[in-house]
Amino acid sequence: MTRTRRLFAIGILAAVAAAPLVIMPVGAQQPSDRAKQIGGKFMCMCGCSQVLTQCNHVGCTTSTAMLKELESSVARGDSEDVITQMFVQEFGTKVYAEPPKSGFSLVAWSLPSIYLALGTILVVFVISRWRKPRGPAIAAAGNAPRVSAEQLERARAQAARETED
């Protein structure tokens, strides 16, 4: 009996694994390749934070409506710019899956490179400071002033006199 249960459980797991992850509503059509390409640049506005063409919420009416609108615009022959402006007018700039590479949004594209360069400079500076020898003993040994033989003899004589006293 346990063998039958195991086989039944394995069969159920196999059926679930083979089922498609995205369930399309009855009568819904798959979007065309051009609609998929354009739809990949927009976010689903249902709050799932997923790209429009990849929203996998079962029964998501927002993505279905947006895809339907996108497909009808593509069927009318609207250009990608017109479709983009239509979605931006309706949903605002938060509909973009990635910020546009113009205007103030250009800052979002350039900051990672700037931060990488500044971080690299900072790391090189810190490492170079760690490698420099510091401290009075090391500095005195490396930069000791030259003493002539005459000065050395005078210092020894003075030290000898002080010890005799």
N, C-alpha and C. Protein backbone atom coordinates (compact mmCIF):
# COMPACT_ATOMS: atom_id res chain seq x y z
N MET A 1 0.81 -1.19 0.00
CA MET A 1 0.00 0.00 0.00
C MET A 1 0.86 1.26 0.00
N THR A 2 1.95 1.25 0.70
CA THR A 2 2.81 2.43 0.73
C THR A 2 3.46 2.66 -0.63
N ARG A 3 3.74 1.58 -1.33
CA ARG A 3 4.31 1.73 -2.67
C ARG A 3 3.31 2.41 -3.60
N THR A 4 2.05 2.09 -3.49
CA THR A 4 1.00 2.70 -4.30
C THR A 4 0.90 4.19 -3.98
N ARG A 5 0.99 4.53 -2.71
CA ARG A 5 0.92 5.94 -2.31
C ARG A 5 2.12 6.72 -2.85
N ARG A 6 3.29 6.12 -2.80
CA ARG A 6 4.48 6.79 -3.32
C ARG A 6 4.36 7.05 -4.81
N LEU A 7 3.90 6.02 -5.55
CA LEU A 7 3.72 6.19 -6.99
C LEU A 7 2.68 7.26 -7.29
N PHE A 8 1.61 7.29 -6.51
CA PHE A 8 0.57 8.30 -6.69
C PHE A 8 1.14 9.71 -6.41
N ALA A 9 1.92 9.84 -5.33
CA ALA A 9 2.52 11.13 -4.99
C ALA A 9 3.51 11.58 -6.07
N ILE A 10 4.30 10.66 -6.58
CA ILE A 10 5.25 10.98 -7.64
C ILE A 10 4.50 11.41 -8.90
N GLY A 11 3.40 10.73 -9.21
CA GLY A 11 2.59 11.10 -10.37
C GLY A 11 2.00 12.49 -10.23
N ILE A 12 1.51 12.81 -9.03
CA ILE A 12 0.95 14.15 -8.80
C ILE A 12 2.05 15.21 -8.94
N LEU A 13 3.22 14.98 -8.35
CA LEU A 13 4.33 15.93 -8.45
C LEU A 13 4.77 16.13 -9.90
N ALA A 14 4.81 15.06 -10.68
CA ALA A 14 5.19 15.16 -12.08
C ALA A 14 4.18 15.97 -12.86
N ALA A 15 2.89 15.79 -12.56
CA ALA A 15 1.84 16.54 -13.26
C ALA A 15 1.92 18.03 -12.91
N VAL A 16 2.19 18.33 -11.65
CA VAL A 16 2.30 19.73 -11.24
C VAL A 16 3.54 20.37 -11.87
N ALA A 17 4.65 19.64 -11.92
CA ALA A 17 5.87 20.17 -12.51
C ALA A 17 5.74 20.39 -14.01
N ALA A 18 4.95 19.57 -14.67
CA ALA A 18 4.77 19.69 -16.11
C ALA A 18 3.76 20.76 -16.48
N ALA A 19 2.95 21.24 -15.54
CA ALA A 19 1.95 22.26 -15.83
C ALA A 19 2.63 23.58 -16.14
N PRO A 20 2.06 24.38 -17.04
CA PRO A 20 2.68 25.68 -17.34
C PRO A 20 2.61 26.60 -16.14
N LEU A 21 3.65 27.45 -15.99
CA LEU A 21 3.69 28.37 -14.85
C LEU A 21 2.71 29.52 -15.01
N VAL A 22 2.51 29.98 -16.22
CA VAL A 22 1.60 31.09 -16.46
C VAL A 22 0.32 30.52 -17.06
N ILE A 23 -0.77 30.75 -16.40
CA ILE A 23 -2.06 30.25 -16.88
C ILE A 23 -2.78 31.40 -17.55
N MET A 24 -3.03 31.26 -18.84
CA MET A 24 -3.71 32.30 -19.59
C MET A 24 -5.22 32.12 -19.42
N PRO A 25 -5.97 33.20 -19.32
CA PRO A 25 -7.41 33.09 -19.24
C PRO A 25 -7.98 32.43 -20.50
N VAL A 26 -9.14 31.84 -20.37
CA VAL A 26 -9.78 31.18 -21.49
C VAL A 26 -10.08 32.20 -22.58
N GLY A 27 -9.69 31.93 -23.79
CA GLY A 27 -9.95 32.83 -24.91
C GLY A 27 -8.86 33.87 -25.10
N ALA A 28 -7.87 33.93 -24.21
CA ALA A 28 -6.81 34.91 -24.36
C ALA A 28 -5.82 34.44 -25.40
N GLN A 29 -5.30 35.38 -26.16
CA GLN A 29 -4.33 35.04 -27.20
C GLN A 29 -2.93 35.36 -26.69
N GLN A 30 -1.98 34.64 -27.21
CA GLN A 30 -0.59 34.96 -26.91
C GLN A 30 -0.23 36.23 -27.67
N PRO A 31 0.48 37.17 -27.02
CA PRO A 31 0.86 38.39 -27.73
C PRO A 31 1.87 38.09 -28.85
N SER A 32 1.86 38.93 -29.87
CA SER A 32 2.78 38.75 -30.99
C SER A 32 4.21 39.03 -30.52
N ASP A 33 5.17 38.70 -31.38
CA ASP A 33 6.58 38.90 -31.03
C ASP A 33 6.89 40.38 -30.81
N ARG A 34 6.33 41.23 -31.65
CA ARG A 34 6.57 42.68 -31.50
C ARG A 34 5.94 43.19 -30.21
N ALA A 35 4.76 42.69 -29.88
CA ALA A 35 4.11 43.10 -28.63
C ALA A 35 4.91 42.61 -27.43
N LYS A 36 5.49 41.41 -27.52
CA LYS A 36 6.33 40.90 -26.43
C LYS A 36 7.57 41.76 -26.27
N GLN A 37 8.17 42.16 -27.40
CA GLN A 37 9.37 42.97 -27.35
C GLN A 37 9.07 44.33 -26.71
N ILE A 38 8.00 44.96 -27.12
CA ILE A 38 7.65 46.27 -26.56
C ILE A 38 7.17 46.11 -25.13
N GLY A 39 6.39 45.07 -24.85
CA GLY A 39 5.87 44.85 -23.50
C GLY A 39 6.95 44.54 -22.49
N GLY A 40 8.10 44.05 -22.95
CA GLY A 40 9.22 43.78 -22.06
C GLY A 40 9.87 45.03 -21.51
N LYS A 41 9.50 46.19 -22.05
CA LYS A 41 10.06 47.46 -21.58
C LYS A 41 9.17 48.12 -20.53
N PHE A 42 8.03 47.50 -20.21
CA PHE A 42 7.09 48.08 -19.26
C PHE A 42 6.91 47.18 -18.05
N MET A 43 6.51 47.77 -16.94
CA MET A 43 6.20 47.04 -15.72
C MET A 43 4.70 46.80 -15.65
N CYS A 44 4.30 45.70 -15.05
CA CYS A 44 2.88 45.45 -14.80
C CYS A 44 2.47 46.38 -13.66
N MET A 45 1.36 47.04 -13.78
CA MET A 45 0.94 48.03 -12.80
C MET A 45 0.04 47.46 -11.71
N CYS A 46 0.02 46.13 -11.55
CA CYS A 46 -0.79 45.53 -10.50
C CYS A 46 -0.09 45.58 -9.15
N GLY A 47 1.18 45.98 -9.15
CA GLY A 47 1.94 46.07 -7.91
C GLY A 47 2.84 44.87 -7.68
N CYS A 48 2.98 44.00 -8.66
CA CYS A 48 3.79 42.79 -8.49
C CYS A 48 5.28 43.05 -8.73
N SER A 49 5.63 44.20 -9.27
CA SER A 49 7.02 44.56 -9.59
C SER A 49 7.65 43.59 -10.60
N GLN A 50 6.86 43.14 -11.55
CA GLN A 50 7.36 42.27 -12.61
C GLN A 50 7.17 42.95 -13.95
N VAL A 51 7.98 42.51 -14.92
CA VAL A 51 7.85 43.03 -16.27
C VAL A 51 6.49 42.59 -16.81
N LEU A 52 5.88 43.45 -17.62
CA LEU A 52 4.51 43.22 -18.11
C LEU A 52 4.34 41.85 -18.77
N THR A 53 5.26 41.47 -19.62
CA THR A 53 5.10 40.20 -20.34
C THR A 53 5.41 38.99 -19.47
N GLN A 54 5.93 39.21 -18.25
CA GLN A 54 6.27 38.10 -17.38
C GLN A 54 5.44 38.05 -16.11
N CYS A 55 4.40 38.87 -16.01
CA CYS A 55 3.54 38.85 -14.82
C CYS A 55 2.85 37.50 -14.76
N ASN A 56 3.08 36.77 -13.67
CA ASN A 56 2.53 35.42 -13.58
C ASN A 56 1.45 35.27 -12.52
N HIS A 57 0.82 36.36 -12.15
CA HIS A 57 -0.30 36.25 -11.21
C HIS A 57 -1.51 35.65 -11.92
N VAL A 58 -2.06 34.64 -11.32
CA VAL A 58 -3.22 33.99 -11.91
C VAL A 58 -4.40 34.95 -11.83
N GLY A 59 -4.99 35.24 -12.96
CA GLY A 59 -6.15 36.13 -13.00
C GLY A 59 -5.80 37.59 -12.85
N CYS A 60 -4.59 38.00 -13.16
CA CYS A 60 -4.18 39.41 -13.06
C CYS A 60 -4.90 40.19 -14.16
N THR A 61 -5.88 40.97 -13.77
CA THR A 61 -6.66 41.73 -14.76
C THR A 61 -5.87 42.90 -15.31
N THR A 62 -4.93 43.43 -14.51
CA THR A 62 -4.15 44.58 -14.97
C THR A 62 -3.25 44.20 -16.14
N SER A 63 -2.50 43.10 -15.99
CA SER A 63 -1.60 42.71 -17.08
C SER A 63 -2.40 42.29 -18.31
N THR A 64 -3.53 41.64 -18.10
CA THR A 64 -4.36 41.23 -19.24
C THR A 64 -4.85 42.45 -20.01
N ALA A 65 -5.30 43.48 -19.28
CA ALA A 65 -5.79 44.69 -19.93
C ALA A 65 -4.65 45.44 -20.63
N MET A 66 -3.51 45.51 -19.96
CA MET A 66 -2.37 46.21 -20.56
C MET A 66 -1.88 45.49 -21.81
N LEU A 67 -1.81 44.16 -21.75
CA LEU A 67 -1.38 43.38 -22.93
C LEU A 67 -2.38 43.51 -24.07
N LYS A 68 -3.67 43.55 -23.73
CA LYS A 68 -4.71 43.70 -24.75
C LYS A 68 -4.56 45.07 -25.43
N GLU A 69 -4.34 46.10 -24.64
CA GLU A 69 -4.16 47.45 -25.17
C GLU A 69 -2.90 47.51 -26.03
N LEU A 70 -1.84 46.87 -25.57
CA LEU A 70 -0.58 46.83 -26.32
C LEU A 70 -0.77 46.10 -27.64
N GLU A 71 -1.45 44.97 -27.60
CA GLU A 71 -1.67 44.18 -28.81
C GLU A 71 -2.53 44.95 -29.82
N SER A 72 -3.53 45.67 -29.35
CA SER A 72 -4.37 46.44 -30.28
C SER A 72 -3.58 47.60 -30.89
N SER A 73 -2.69 48.21 -30.12
CA SER A 73 -1.85 49.29 -30.66
C SER A 73 -0.89 48.74 -31.71
N VAL A 74 -0.33 47.58 -31.46
CA VAL A 74 0.57 46.96 -32.43
C VAL A 74 -0.21 46.58 -33.68
N ALA A 75 -1.43 46.08 -33.52
CA ALA A 75 -2.25 45.69 -34.67
C ALA A 75 -2.62 46.91 -35.51
N ARG A 76 -2.81 48.07 -34.85
CA ARG A 76 -3.11 49.30 -35.59
C ARG A 76 -1.90 49.81 -36.35
N GLY A 77 -0.72 49.35 -35.96
CA GLY A 77 0.50 49.77 -36.62
C GLY A 77 1.16 50.96 -35.95
N ASP A 78 0.81 51.24 -34.70
CA ASP A 78 1.43 52.35 -33.97
C ASP A 78 2.91 52.08 -33.77
N SER A 79 3.70 53.13 -33.78
CA SER A 79 5.13 52.97 -33.56
C SER A 79 5.40 52.73 -32.07
N GLU A 80 6.61 52.29 -31.78
CA GLU A 80 6.99 52.01 -30.40
C GLU A 80 6.95 53.28 -29.55
N ASP A 81 7.35 54.41 -30.14
CA ASP A 81 7.33 55.67 -29.41
C ASP A 81 5.91 56.09 -29.05
N VAL A 82 4.98 55.90 -29.96
CA VAL A 82 3.57 56.25 -29.70
C VAL A 82 3.02 55.36 -28.59
N ILE A 83 3.32 54.09 -28.65
CA ILE A 83 2.84 53.15 -27.62
C ILE A 83 3.44 53.50 -26.27
N THR A 84 4.73 53.83 -26.26
CA THR A 84 5.40 54.20 -25.02
C THR A 84 4.77 55.45 -24.43
N GLN A 85 4.54 56.46 -25.25
CA GLN A 85 3.92 57.70 -24.77
C GLN A 85 2.51 57.44 -24.24
N MET A 86 1.79 56.54 -24.89
CA MET A 86 0.44 56.21 -24.43
C MET A 86 0.47 55.59 -23.03
N PHE A 87 1.39 54.66 -22.80
CA PHE A 87 1.50 54.02 -21.49
C PHE A 87 2.01 55.00 -20.43
N VAL A 88 2.95 55.88 -20.81
CA VAL A 88 3.47 56.87 -19.86
C VAL A 88 2.38 57.86 -19.49
N GLN A 89 1.55 58.26 -20.46
CA GLN A 89 0.43 59.17 -20.16
C GLN A 89 -0.56 58.52 -19.21
N GLU A 90 -0.81 57.25 -19.41
CA GLU A 90 -1.81 56.56 -18.59
C GLU A 90 -1.30 56.20 -17.20
N PHE A 91 -0.04 55.73 -17.10
CA PHE A 91 0.46 55.21 -15.83
C PHE A 91 1.59 56.04 -15.21
N GLY A 92 2.16 56.96 -15.95
CA GLY A 92 3.29 57.74 -15.45
C GLY A 92 4.60 57.06 -15.78
N THR A 93 5.71 57.68 -15.35
CA THR A 93 7.03 57.15 -15.70
C THR A 93 7.37 55.87 -14.94
N LYS A 94 6.59 55.53 -13.91
CA LYS A 94 6.86 54.29 -13.18
C LYS A 94 6.55 53.05 -14.02
N VAL A 95 5.94 53.22 -15.19
CA VAL A 95 5.64 52.10 -16.06
C VAL A 95 6.89 51.57 -16.74
N TYR A 96 7.96 52.37 -16.80
CA TYR A 96 9.21 51.92 -17.43
C TYR A 96 9.83 50.80 -16.61
N ALA A 97 10.30 49.76 -17.29
CA ALA A 97 11.03 48.69 -16.60
C ALA A 97 12.44 49.15 -16.28
N GLU A 98 13.00 50.03 -17.09
CA GLU A 98 14.29 50.65 -16.81
C GLU A 98 14.17 52.12 -17.19
N PRO A 99 14.88 52.98 -16.46
CA PRO A 99 14.75 54.41 -16.74
C PRO A 99 15.27 54.74 -18.14
N PRO A 100 14.65 55.73 -18.79
CA PRO A 100 15.15 56.11 -20.12
C PRO A 100 16.54 56.71 -20.02
N LYS A 101 17.30 56.59 -21.08
CA LYS A 101 18.69 57.06 -21.08
C LYS A 101 18.77 58.49 -21.59
N SER A 102 17.98 59.37 -20.99
CA SER A 102 18.00 60.78 -21.37
C SER A 102 17.52 61.61 -20.19
N GLY A 103 17.86 62.88 -20.21
CA GLY A 103 17.40 63.80 -19.18
C GLY A 103 17.94 63.45 -17.81
N PHE A 104 17.12 63.69 -16.79
CA PHE A 104 17.53 63.46 -15.41
C PHE A 104 17.77 61.97 -15.14
N SER A 105 17.10 61.09 -15.86
CA SER A 105 17.27 59.65 -15.67
C SER A 105 18.67 59.19 -16.07
N LEU A 106 19.37 60.03 -16.81
CA LEU A 106 20.74 59.69 -17.19
C LEU A 106 21.63 59.60 -15.96
N VAL A 107 21.25 60.29 -14.88
CA VAL A 107 22.00 60.21 -13.63
C VAL A 107 21.96 58.77 -13.09
N ALA A 108 20.80 58.13 -13.19
CA ALA A 108 20.67 56.76 -12.70
C ALA A 108 21.57 55.80 -13.47
N TRP A 109 21.85 56.10 -14.72
CA TRP A 109 22.72 55.25 -15.52
C TRP A 109 24.19 55.54 -15.26
N SER A 110 24.53 56.79 -14.92
CA SER A 110 25.94 57.15 -14.79
C SER A 110 26.47 56.98 -13.37
N LEU A 111 25.63 57.04 -12.35
CA LEU A 111 26.11 56.96 -10.97
C LEU A 111 26.85 55.66 -10.64
N PRO A 112 26.42 54.50 -11.07
CA PRO A 112 27.20 53.29 -10.75
C PRO A 112 28.64 53.36 -11.24
N SER A 113 28.87 53.89 -12.43
CA SER A 113 30.24 54.02 -12.94
C SER A 113 31.03 55.01 -12.11
N ILE A 114 30.40 56.11 -11.74
CA ILE A 114 31.08 57.11 -10.92
C ILE A 114 31.43 56.53 -9.56
N TYR A 115 30.49 55.82 -8.94
CA TYR A 115 30.76 55.20 -7.63
C TYR A 115 31.87 54.17 -7.73
N LEU A 116 31.91 53.41 -8.80
CA LEU A 116 32.97 52.42 -8.98
C LEU A 116 34.34 53.10 -9.09
N ALA A 117 34.41 54.18 -9.86
CA ALA A 117 35.68 54.89 -10.01
C ALA A 117 36.12 55.50 -8.68
N LEU A 118 35.20 56.15 -7.96
CA LEU A 118 35.54 56.75 -6.67
C LEU A 118 35.96 55.68 -5.65
N GLY A 119 35.27 54.57 -5.64
CA GLY A 119 35.62 53.48 -4.73
C GLY A 119 37.00 52.92 -5.03
N THR A 120 37.32 52.77 -6.31
CA THR A 120 38.64 52.27 -6.69
C THR A 120 39.74 53.23 -6.25
N ILE A 121 39.50 54.52 -6.46
CA ILE A 121 40.49 55.53 -6.04
C ILE A 121 40.66 55.49 -4.52
N LEU A 122 39.56 55.36 -3.79
CA LEU A 122 39.63 55.31 -2.33
C LEU A 122 40.41 54.08 -1.85
N VAL A 123 40.16 52.94 -2.45
CA VAL A 123 40.87 51.70 -2.06
C VAL A 123 42.36 51.83 -2.35
N VAL A 124 42.72 52.37 -3.52
CA VAL A 124 44.14 52.54 -3.86
C VAL A 124 44.79 53.50 -2.87
N PHE A 125 44.11 54.57 -2.51
CA PHE A 125 44.66 55.54 -1.55
C PHE A 125 44.88 54.90 -0.19
N VAL A 126 43.89 54.15 0.30
CA VAL A 126 44.02 53.51 1.62
C VAL A 126 45.15 52.49 1.62
N ILE A 127 45.24 51.68 0.59
CA ILE A 127 46.30 50.67 0.52
C ILE A 127 47.67 51.33 0.45
N SER A 128 47.78 52.42 -0.30
CA SER A 128 49.08 53.10 -0.38
C SER A 128 49.46 53.71 0.97
N ARG A 129 48.49 54.18 1.73
CA ARG A 129 48.78 54.72 3.06
C ARG A 129 49.21 53.61 4.03
N TRP A 130 48.63 52.44 3.90
CA TRP A 130 49.00 51.31 4.76
C TRP A 130 50.43 50.86 4.48
N ARG A 131 50.85 50.95 3.26
CA ARG A 131 52.16 50.43 2.86
C ARG A 131 53.29 51.37 3.21
N LYS A 132 53.01 52.66 3.40
CA LYS A 132 54.07 53.60 3.74
C LYS A 132 54.51 53.37 5.18
N PRO A 133 55.84 53.26 5.43
CA PRO A 133 56.30 53.09 6.81
C PRO A 133 56.12 54.40 7.58
N ARG A 134 55.59 54.25 8.79
CA ARG A 134 55.40 55.42 9.63
C ARG A 134 55.92 55.11 11.02
N GLY A 135 56.09 56.11 11.84
CA GLY A 135 56.55 55.94 13.21
C GLY A 135 57.89 56.59 13.40
N PRO A 136 58.18 57.02 14.62
CA PRO A 136 59.44 57.75 14.87
C PRO A 136 60.68 56.89 14.69
N ALA A 137 60.66 55.62 15.06
CA ALA A 137 61.86 54.78 14.96
C ALA A 137 62.23 54.57 13.50
N ILE A 138 61.27 54.28 12.68
CA ILE A 138 61.53 54.02 11.27
C ILE A 138 61.93 55.32 10.58
N ALA A 139 61.24 56.41 10.92
CA ALA A 139 61.55 57.68 10.29
C ALA A 139 62.94 58.16 10.69
N ALA A 140 63.31 57.98 11.97
CA ALA A 140 64.62 58.44 12.44
C ALA A 140 65.73 57.63 11.79
N ALA A 141 65.53 56.33 11.64
CA ALA A 141 66.58 55.49 11.05
C ALA A 141 66.77 55.81 9.58
N GLY A 142 65.70 56.08 8.90
CA GLY A 142 65.80 56.32 7.47
C GLY A 142 66.26 57.73 7.14
N ASN A 143 65.94 58.69 7.98
CA ASN A 143 66.23 60.08 7.66
C ASN A 143 67.20 60.70 8.68
N ALA A 144 68.08 59.94 9.27
CA ALA A 144 69.00 60.46 10.28
C ALA A 144 69.98 61.42 9.64
N PRO A 145 70.23 62.56 10.31
CA PRO A 145 71.18 63.51 9.74
C PRO A 145 72.60 62.96 9.83
N ARG A 146 73.46 63.33 8.91
CA ARG A 146 74.85 62.90 8.88
C ARG A 146 75.64 63.68 9.95
N VAL A 147 76.42 62.94 10.73
CA VAL A 147 77.23 63.53 11.79
C VAL A 147 78.70 63.38 11.39
N SER A 148 79.39 64.45 11.47
CA SER A 148 80.82 64.38 11.11
C SER A 148 81.60 63.70 12.24
N ALA A 149 82.79 63.26 11.93
CA ALA A 149 83.64 62.58 12.92
C ALA A 149 84.00 63.52 14.06
N GLU A 150 84.20 64.81 13.73
CA GLU A 150 84.56 65.80 14.75
C GLU A 150 83.41 65.99 15.74
N GLN A 151 82.17 66.09 15.23
CA GLN A 151 81.01 66.25 16.10
C GLN A 151 80.82 65.01 16.98
N LEU A 152 81.05 63.84 16.43
CA LEU A 152 80.92 62.60 17.18
C LEU A 152 81.94 62.55 18.32
N GLU A 153 83.16 62.96 18.03
CA GLU A 153 84.21 62.96 19.06
C GLU A 153 83.89 63.95 20.17
N ARG A 154 83.38 65.13 19.83
CA ARG A 154 82.99 66.11 20.85
C ARG A 154 81.88 65.57 21.74
N ALA A 155 80.88 64.91 21.12
CA ALA A 155 79.77 64.35 21.89
C ALA A 155 80.26 63.27 22.83
N ARG A 156 81.19 62.42 22.41
CA ARG A 156 81.73 61.36 23.27
C ARG A 156 82.52 61.97 24.44
N ALA A 157 83.28 63.01 24.14
CA ALA A 157 84.06 63.66 25.19
C ALA A 157 83.12 64.30 26.22
N GLN A 158 82.08 64.94 25.77
CA GLN A 158 81.13 65.57 26.68
C GLN A 158 80.44 64.52 27.53
N ALA A 159 80.05 63.39 26.93
CA ALA A 159 79.40 62.33 27.68
C ALA A 159 80.32 61.73 28.71
N ALA A 160 81.64 61.63 28.37
CA ALA A 160 82.62 61.09 29.32
C ALA A 160 82.80 62.04 30.49
N ARG A 161 82.85 63.35 30.25
CA ARG A 161 82.99 64.34 31.32
C ARG A 161 81.80 64.29 32.26
N GLU A 162 80.59 64.13 31.68
CA GLU A 162 79.39 64.12 32.52
C GLU A 162 79.34 62.87 33.39
N THR A 163 79.85 61.78 32.90
CA THR A 163 79.85 60.56 33.72
C THR A 163 80.90 60.63 34.82
N GLU A 164 82.01 61.38 34.61
CA GLU A 164 83.03 61.52 35.64
C GLU A 164 82.55 62.42 36.78
N ASP A 165 81.73 63.33 36.48
CA ASP A 165 81.24 64.27 37.51
C ASP A 165 80.27 63.63 38.39
